Amino acid sequence: MDGRDKGGRERIMQATVTLLLEMGLLAVQTRAVTERAGVGTGLLNHHFRWPALRAMAWEAIFEAVVADLWHTGEDPAAALDRFIAGSFDNGARPYWTLWIQAEALSATDKVMEATLARTRTALRQRLAALLEAGNVAGTWSLPKPQATAIRLEALRDGLAGMLLNGDPEIDAAQATHHLRHAMMLERRETPALMAS
């Protein structure tokens, strides 16, 4: 592969990432990508199949989300606070849209299904590692950080869906409050939460 091909490949990938964030997973088509990247359809087809490109760009977006969940050397309490505070702000909206669209698309797209599964696992493992680090640091005492990660993830996902669907009984501040409250309950190690 010569430098021109590599540059074209990188431009195609970056254009796809940018367009997914701007338009969403379901709206982006190859024509928009080639126009944004400044390449022809032939070059795109030379380097990628559309389902694979779309999934790779989506995964690149969420690899950055996984990395941002907890920075090297960051205090676990500060990381968790940042995670909760940023879960429902306006900047998170494109990511939630992309996540929900990927879930819908994965029912018929095997490439996206595998990509979504890998990314879900990576996010959950990163959150569980953060929660375990808080245990080690003595910041909190969670009997099963992995189980806590699943419960926090489920609540966060459900609240995000409610916000995206315009549920009139909840706003971003309330969603953030509910997620913080759930973590407080987890730290109290109530019997009902420890049972699972």
C-alpha atoms as a PDB file:
ATOM      1  CA  MET A   1       0.000   0.000   0.000  1.00  0.00           C
ATOM      2  CA  ASP A   2       1.511   3.314  -1.002  1.00  0.00           C
ATOM      3  CA  GLY A   3       1.269   6.508   1.084  1.00  0.00           C
ATOM      4  CA  ARG A   4      -1.602   7.802  -1.018  1.00  0.00           C
ATOM      5  CA  ASP A   5      -3.687   4.688  -0.354  1.00  0.00           C
ATOM      6  CA  LYS A   6      -2.906   4.872   3.362  1.00  0.00           C
ATOM      7  CA  GLY A   7      -3.839   8.555   3.455  1.00  0.00           C
ATOM      8  CA  GLY A   8      -7.074   7.807   1.620  1.00  0.00           C
ATOM      9  CA  ARG A   9      -7.895   5.004   4.027  1.00  0.00           C
ATOM     10  CA  GLU A  10      -7.287   7.273   7.031  1.00  0.00           C
ATOM     11  CA  ARG A  11      -9.365  10.088   5.496  1.00  0.00           C
ATOM     12  CA  ILE A  12     -12.218   7.657   4.858  1.00  0.00           C
ATOM     13  CA  MET A  13     -12.106   6.383   8.446  1.00  0.00           C
ATOM     14  CA  GLN A  14     -11.938   9.895   9.937  1.00  0.00           C
ATOM     15  CA  ALA A  15     -14.768  11.116   7.700  1.00  0.00           C
ATOM     16  CA  THR A  16     -16.904   8.181   8.795  1.00  0.00           C
ATOM     17  CA  VAL A  17     -16.226   8.837  12.488  1.00  0.00           C
ATOM     18  CA  THR A  18     -17.060  12.522  12.091  1.00  0.00           C
ATOM     19  CA  LEU A  19     -20.243  11.844  10.140  1.00  0.00           C
ATOM     20  CA  LEU A  20     -21.445   9.216  12.607  1.00  0.00           C
ATOM     21  CA  LEU A  21     -21.134  11.760  15.415  1.00  0.00           C
ATOM     22  CA  GLU A  22     -22.872  14.440  13.353  1.00  0.00           C
ATOM     23  CA  MET A  23     -25.644  12.415  11.715  1.00  0.00           C
ATOM     24  CA  GLY A  24     -26.008   9.139  13.581  1.00  0.00           C
ATOM     25  CA  LEU A  25     -25.326   5.575  12.578  1.00  0.00           C
ATOM     26  CA  LEU A  26     -28.429   5.031  10.483  1.00  0.00           C
ATOM     27  CA  ALA A  27     -28.287   8.234   8.438  1.00  0.00           C
ATOM     28  CA  VAL A  28     -24.707   8.055   7.173  1.00  0.00           C
ATOM     29  CA  GLN A  29     -24.247   6.579   3.706  1.00  0.00           C
ATOM     30  CA  THR A  30     -21.124   5.889   1.650  1.00  0.00           C
ATOM     31  CA  ARG A  31     -21.736   8.913  -0.579  1.00  0.00           C
ATOM     32  CA  ALA A  32     -21.537  11.303   2.377  1.00  0.00           C
ATOM     33  CA  VAL A  33     -18.311   9.597   3.489  1.00  0.00           C
ATOM     34  CA  THR A  34     -16.630   9.856   0.092  1.00  0.00           C
ATOM     35  CA  GLU A  35     -17.668  13.493  -0.251  1.00  0.00           C
ATOM     36  CA  ARG A  36     -16.369  14.359   3.223  1.00  0.00           C
ATOM     37  CA  ALA A  37     -13.125  12.415   2.694  1.00  0.00           C
ATOM     38  CA  GLY A  38     -12.619  13.829  -0.777  1.00  0.00           C
ATOM     39  CA  VAL A  39     -12.203  10.405  -2.377  1.00  0.00           C
ATOM     40  CA  GLY A  40     -14.060   8.381  -4.953  1.00  0.00           C
ATOM     41  CA  THR A  41     -16.369   5.463  -4.260  1.00  0.00           C
ATOM     42  CA  GLY A  42     -13.816   3.130  -5.848  1.00  0.00           C
ATOM     43  CA  LEU A  43     -11.202   3.958  -3.215  1.00  0.00           C
ATOM     44  CA  LEU A  44     -13.696   3.440  -0.407  1.00  0.00           C
ATOM     45  CA  ASN A  45     -14.702   0.072  -1.873  1.00  0.00           C
ATOM     46  CA  HIS A  46     -11.028  -0.826  -2.356  1.00  0.00           C
ATOM     47  CA  HIS A  47     -10.319  -0.429   1.357  1.00  0.00           C
ATOM     48  CA  PHE A  48     -13.608  -1.267   3.048  1.00  0.00           C
ATOM     49  CA  ARG A  49     -16.934  -3.012   2.870  1.00  0.00           C
ATOM     50  CA  TRP A  50     -19.583  -0.614   4.151  1.00  0.00           C
ATOM     51  CA  PRO A  51     -20.808  -2.696   7.141  1.00  0.00           C
ATOM     52  CA  ALA A  52     -17.205  -3.187   8.277  1.00  0.00           C
ATOM     53  CA  LEU A  53     -16.284   0.488   7.845  1.00  0.00           C
ATOM     54  CA  ARG A  54     -19.375   1.653   9.692  1.00  0.00           C
ATOM     55  CA  ALA A  55     -18.692  -0.760  12.567  1.00  0.00           C
ATOM     56  CA  MET A  56     -14.983   0.127  12.716  1.00  0.00           C
ATOM     57  CA  ALA A  57     -15.746   3.852  12.881  1.00  0.00           C
ATOM     58  CA  TRP A  58     -18.392   3.269  15.557  1.00  0.00           C
ATOM     59  CA  GLU A  59     -15.942   1.163  17.544  1.00  0.00           C
ATOM     60  CA  ALA A  60     -13.241   3.837  17.254  1.00  0.00           C
ATOM     61  CA  ILE A  61     -15.642   6.353  18.778  1.00  0.00           C
ATOM     62  CA  PHE A  62     -16.396   4.079  21.714  1.00  0.00           C
ATOM     63  CA  GLU A  63     -12.777   3.017  22.220  1.00  0.00           C
ATOM     64  CA  ALA A  64     -12.185   6.677  23.089  1.00  0.00           C
ATOM     65  CA  VAL A  65     -15.164   6.570  25.473  1.00  0.00           C
ATOM     66  CA  VAL A  66     -13.724   3.483  27.200  1.00  0.00           C
ATOM     67  CA  ALA A  67     -10.305   5.134  27.523  1.00  0.00           C
ATOM     68  CA  ASP A  68     -11.888   8.312  28.920  1.00  0.00           C
ATOM     69  CA  LEU A  69     -13.865   6.448  31.578  1.00  0.00           C
ATOM     70  CA  TRP A  70     -10.854   6.259  33.875  1.00  0.00           C
ATOM     71  CA  HIS A  71      -7.526   7.946  33.179  1.00  0.00           C
ATOM     72  CA  THR A  72      -4.247   6.394  34.283  1.00  0.00           C
ATOM     73  CA  GLY A  73      -3.423   7.573  37.780  1.00  0.00           C
ATOM     74  CA  GLU A  74      -6.810   9.205  38.296  1.00  0.00           C
ATOM     75  CA  ASP A  75      -8.406   8.920  41.729  1.00  0.00           C
ATOM     76  CA  PRO A  76     -11.295   6.411  41.513  1.00  0.00           C
ATOM     77  CA  ALA A  77     -13.737   8.760  43.267  1.00  0.00           C
ATOM     78  CA  ALA A  78     -12.923  11.591  40.856  1.00  0.00           C
ATOM     79  CA  ALA A  79     -13.251   9.252  37.871  1.00  0.00           C
ATOM     80  CA  LEU A  80     -16.606   7.928  39.048  1.00  0.00           C
ATOM     81  CA  ASP A  81     -17.858  11.441  39.723  1.00  0.00           C
ATOM     82  CA  ARG A  82     -16.804  12.506  36.202  1.00  0.00           C
ATOM     83  CA  PHE A  83     -18.453   9.407  34.736  1.00  0.00           C
ATOM     84  CA  ILE A  84     -21.750  10.151  36.506  1.00  0.00           C
ATOM     85  CA  ALA A  85     -21.664  13.907  35.859  1.00  0.00           C
ATOM     86  CA  GLY A  86     -21.017  13.421  32.143  1.00  0.00           C
ATOM     87  CA  SER A  87     -23.449  10.585  31.537  1.00  0.00           C
ATOM     88  CA  PHE A  88     -26.427  12.781  30.716  1.00  0.00           C
ATOM     89  CA  ASP A  89     -25.041  16.145  29.633  1.00  0.00           C
ATOM     90  CA  ASN A  90     -25.729  17.456  26.128  1.00  0.00           C
ATOM     91  CA  GLY A  91     -22.306  16.336  24.921  1.00  0.00           C
ATOM     92  CA  ALA A  92     -23.247  12.717  25.637  1.00  0.00           C
ATOM     93  CA  ARG A  93     -26.355  12.802  23.452  1.00  0.00           C
ATOM     94  CA  PRO A  94     -24.654  11.835  20.138  1.00  0.00           C
ATOM     95  CA  TYR A  95     -22.993   8.889  21.860  1.00  0.00           C
ATOM     96  CA  TRP A  96     -26.262   7.658  23.309  1.00  0.00           C
ATOM     97  CA  THR A  97     -27.900   7.994  19.901  1.00  0.00           C
ATOM     98  CA  LEU A  98     -25.086   5.983  18.307  1.00  0.00           C
ATOM     99  CA  TRP A  99     -25.307   3.329  21.023  1.00  0.00           C
ATOM    100  CA  ILE A 100     -29.048   2.849  20.681  1.00  0.00           C
ATOM    101  CA  GLN A 101     -28.823   2.788  16.894  1.00  0.00           C
ATOM    102  CA  ALA A 102     -26.059   0.153  17.088  1.00  0.00           C
ATOM    103  CA  GLU A 103     -28.257  -1.992  19.312  1.00  0.00           C
ATOM    104  CA  ALA A 104     -31.079  -1.774  16.770  1.00  0.00           C
ATOM    105  CA  LEU A 105     -28.771  -2.417  13.808  1.00  0.00           C
ATOM    106  CA  SER A 106     -27.087  -5.391  15.475  1.00  0.00           C
ATOM    107  CA  ALA A 107     -30.301  -7.400  15.127  1.00  0.00           C
ATOM    108  CA  THR A 108     -29.648  -7.699  11.375  1.00  0.00           C
ATOM    109  CA  ASP A 109     -25.946  -6.801  11.032  1.00  0.00           C
ATOM    110  CA  LYS A 110     -23.536  -9.454  12.344  1.00  0.00           C
ATOM    111  CA  VAL A 111     -20.517  -7.159  12.083  1.00  0.00           C
ATOM    112  CA  MET A 112     -22.217  -4.547  14.262  1.00  0.00           C
ATOM    113  CA  GLU A 113     -23.466  -7.225  16.638  1.00  0.00           C
ATOM    114  CA  ALA A 114     -19.900  -8.427  17.291  1.00  0.00           C
ATOM    115  CA  THR A 115     -18.591  -4.876  17.571  1.00  0.00           C
ATOM    116  CA  LEU A 116     -21.305  -3.899  20.039  1.00  0.00           C
ATOM    117  CA  ALA A 117     -20.616  -6.996  22.162  1.00  0.00           C
ATOM    118  CA  ARG A 118     -16.870  -6.234  22.315  1.00  0.00           C
ATOM    119  CA  THR A 119     -17.488  -2.616  23.203  1.00  0.00           C
ATOM    120  CA  ARG A 120     -20.099  -3.407  25.854  1.00  0.00           C
ATOM    121  CA  THR A 121     -17.667  -5.839  27.481  1.00  0.00           C
ATOM    122  CA  ALA A 122     -14.823  -3.302  27.388  1.00  0.00           C
ATOM    123  CA  LEU A 123     -16.955  -0.573  28.972  1.00  0.00           C
ATOM    124  CA  ARG A 124     -18.244  -2.887  31.688  1.00  0.00           C
ATOM    125  CA  GLN A 125     -14.768  -4.221  32.477  1.00  0.00           C
ATOM    126  CA  ARG A 126     -13.379  -0.677  32.674  1.00  0.00           C
ATOM    127  CA  LEU A 127     -16.148   0.427  35.043  1.00  0.00           C
ATOM    128  CA  ALA A 128     -15.716  -2.708  37.178  1.00  0.00           C
ATOM    129  CA  ALA A 129     -11.944  -2.081  37.340  1.00  0.00           C
ATOM    130  CA  LEU A 130     -12.611   1.486  38.445  1.00  0.00           C
ATOM    131  CA  LEU A 131     -14.986   0.280  41.148  1.00  0.00           C
ATOM    132  CA  GLU A 132     -12.464  -2.343  42.296  1.00  0.00           C
ATOM    133  CA  ALA A 133      -9.756   0.347  42.443  1.00  0.00           C
ATOM    134  CA  GLY A 134     -12.042   2.316  44.753  1.00  0.00           C
ATOM    135  CA  ASN A 135     -12.286  -0.775  46.962  1.00  0.00           C
ATOM    136  CA  VAL A 136      -8.500  -1.127  47.064  1.00  0.00           C
ATOM    137  CA  ALA A 137      -8.065   2.576  47.837  1.00  0.00           C
ATOM    138  CA  GLY A 138     -10.637   2.340  50.642  1.00  0.00           C
ATOM    139  CA  THR A 139     -12.855   4.924  48.941  1.00  0.00           C
ATOM    140  CA  TRP A 140     -15.835   2.580  49.130  1.00  0.00           C
ATOM    141  CA  SER A 141     -16.514  -1.048  49.916  1.00  0.00           C
ATOM    142  CA  LEU A 142     -18.384  -2.931  47.234  1.00  0.00           C
ATOM    143  CA  PRO A 143     -18.692  -6.709  47.699  1.00  0.00           C
ATOM    144  CA  LYS A 144     -19.022  -7.367  43.966  1.00  0.00           C
ATOM    145  CA  PRO A 145     -17.723  -4.513  41.768  1.00  0.00           C
ATOM    146  CA  GLN A 146     -18.662  -6.394  38.583  1.00  0.00           C
ATOM    147  CA  ALA A 147     -22.287  -6.699  39.745  1.00  0.00           C
ATOM    148  CA  THR A 148     -22.334  -3.034  40.756  1.00  0.00           C
ATOM    149  CA  ALA A 149     -20.995  -2.106  37.306  1.00  0.00           C
ATOM    150  CA  ILE A 150     -23.837  -4.019  35.647  1.00  0.00           C
ATOM    151  CA  ARG A 151     -26.480  -2.352  37.806  1.00  0.00           C
ATOM    152  CA  LEU A 152     -25.048   1.140  37.267  1.00  0.00           C
ATOM    153  CA  GLU A 153     -24.783   0.468  33.529  1.00  0.00           C
ATOM    154  CA  ALA A 154     -28.376  -0.762  33.349  1.00  0.00           C
ATOM    155  CA  LEU A 155     -29.698   2.267  35.196  1.00  0.00           C
ATOM    156  CA  ARG A 156     -27.610   4.677  33.134  1.00  0.00           C
ATOM    157  CA  ASP A 157     -28.723   3.075  29.866  1.00  0.00           C
ATOM    158  CA  GLY A 158     -32.377   3.127  30.890  1.00  0.00           C
ATOM    159  CA  LEU A 159     -32.245   6.753  32.010  1.00  0.00           C
ATOM    160  CA  ALA A 160     -30.470   7.762  28.784  1.00  0.00           C
ATOM    161  CA  GLY A 161     -33.208   6.054  26.770  1.00  0.00           C
ATOM    162  CA  MET A 162     -35.868   7.950  28.708  1.00  0.00           C
ATOM    163  CA  LEU A 163     -34.073  11.249  28.048  1.00  0.00           C
ATOM    164  CA  LEU A 164     -33.609  10.534  24.339  1.00  0.00           C
ATOM    165  CA  ASN A 165     -37.259   9.616  24.021  1.00  0.00           C
ATOM    166  CA  GLY A 166     -38.341  12.878  25.647  1.00  0.00           C
ATOM    167  CA  ASP A 167     -39.890  11.402  28.777  1.00  0.00           C
ATOM    168  CA  PRO A 168     -41.510  14.450  30.421  1.00  0.00           C
ATOM    169  CA  GLU A 169     -40.952  13.114  33.928  1.00  0.00           C
ATOM    170  CA  ILE A 170     -37.155  13.211  33.826  1.00  0.00           C
ATOM    171  CA  ASP A 171     -34.410  15.606  32.842  1.00  0.00           C
ATOM    172  CA  ALA A 172     -30.606  15.335  32.823  1.00  0.00           C
ATOM    173  CA  ALA A 173     -30.251  16.661  36.375  1.00  0.00           C
ATOM    174  CA  GLN A 174     -32.741  14.112  37.699  1.00  0.00           C
ATOM    175  CA  ALA A 175     -31.068  11.299  35.767  1.00  0.00           C
ATOM    176  CA  THR A 176     -27.708  12.285  37.252  1.00  0.00           C
ATOM    177  CA  HIS A 177     -29.275  12.357  40.722  1.00  0.00           C
ATOM    178  CA  HIS A 178     -30.707   8.838  40.249  1.00  0.00           C
ATOM    179  CA  LEU A 179     -27.321   7.474  39.137  1.00  0.00           C
ATOM    180  CA  ARG A 180     -25.542   9.106  42.096  1.00  0.00           C
ATOM    181  CA  HIS A 181     -28.229   7.753  44.432  1.00  0.00           C
ATOM    182  CA  ALA A 182     -27.767   4.252  43.042  1.00  0.00           C
ATOM    183  CA  MET A 183     -24.039   4.413  43.780  1.00  0.00           C
ATOM    184  CA  MET A 184     -24.793   5.623  47.317  1.00  0.00           C
ATOM    185  CA  LEU A 185     -27.046   2.593  47.804  1.00  0.00           C
ATOM    186  CA  GLU A 186     -24.331   0.315  46.467  1.00  0.00           C
ATOM    187  CA  ARG A 187     -21.815   1.747  48.933  1.00  0.00           C
ATOM    188  CA  ARG A 188     -24.184   1.132  51.835  1.00  0.00           C
ATOM    189  CA  GLU A 189     -24.125  -2.556  50.879  1.00  0.00           C
ATOM    190  CA  THR A 190     -27.834  -3.000  51.512  1.00  0.00           C
ATOM    191  CA  PRO A 191     -28.923  -6.654  51.704  1.00  0.00           C
ATOM    192  CA  ALA A 192     -31.276  -6.339  48.725  1.00  0.00           C
ATOM    193  CA  LEU A 193     -28.440  -5.158  46.484  1.00  0.00           C
ATOM    194  CA  MET A 194     -25.902  -7.671  47.758  1.00  0.00           C
ATOM    195  CA  ALA A 195     -28.175 -10.628  46.975  1.00  0.00           C
ATOM    196  CA  SER A 196     -27.340 -10.696  43.284  1.00  0.00           C
END
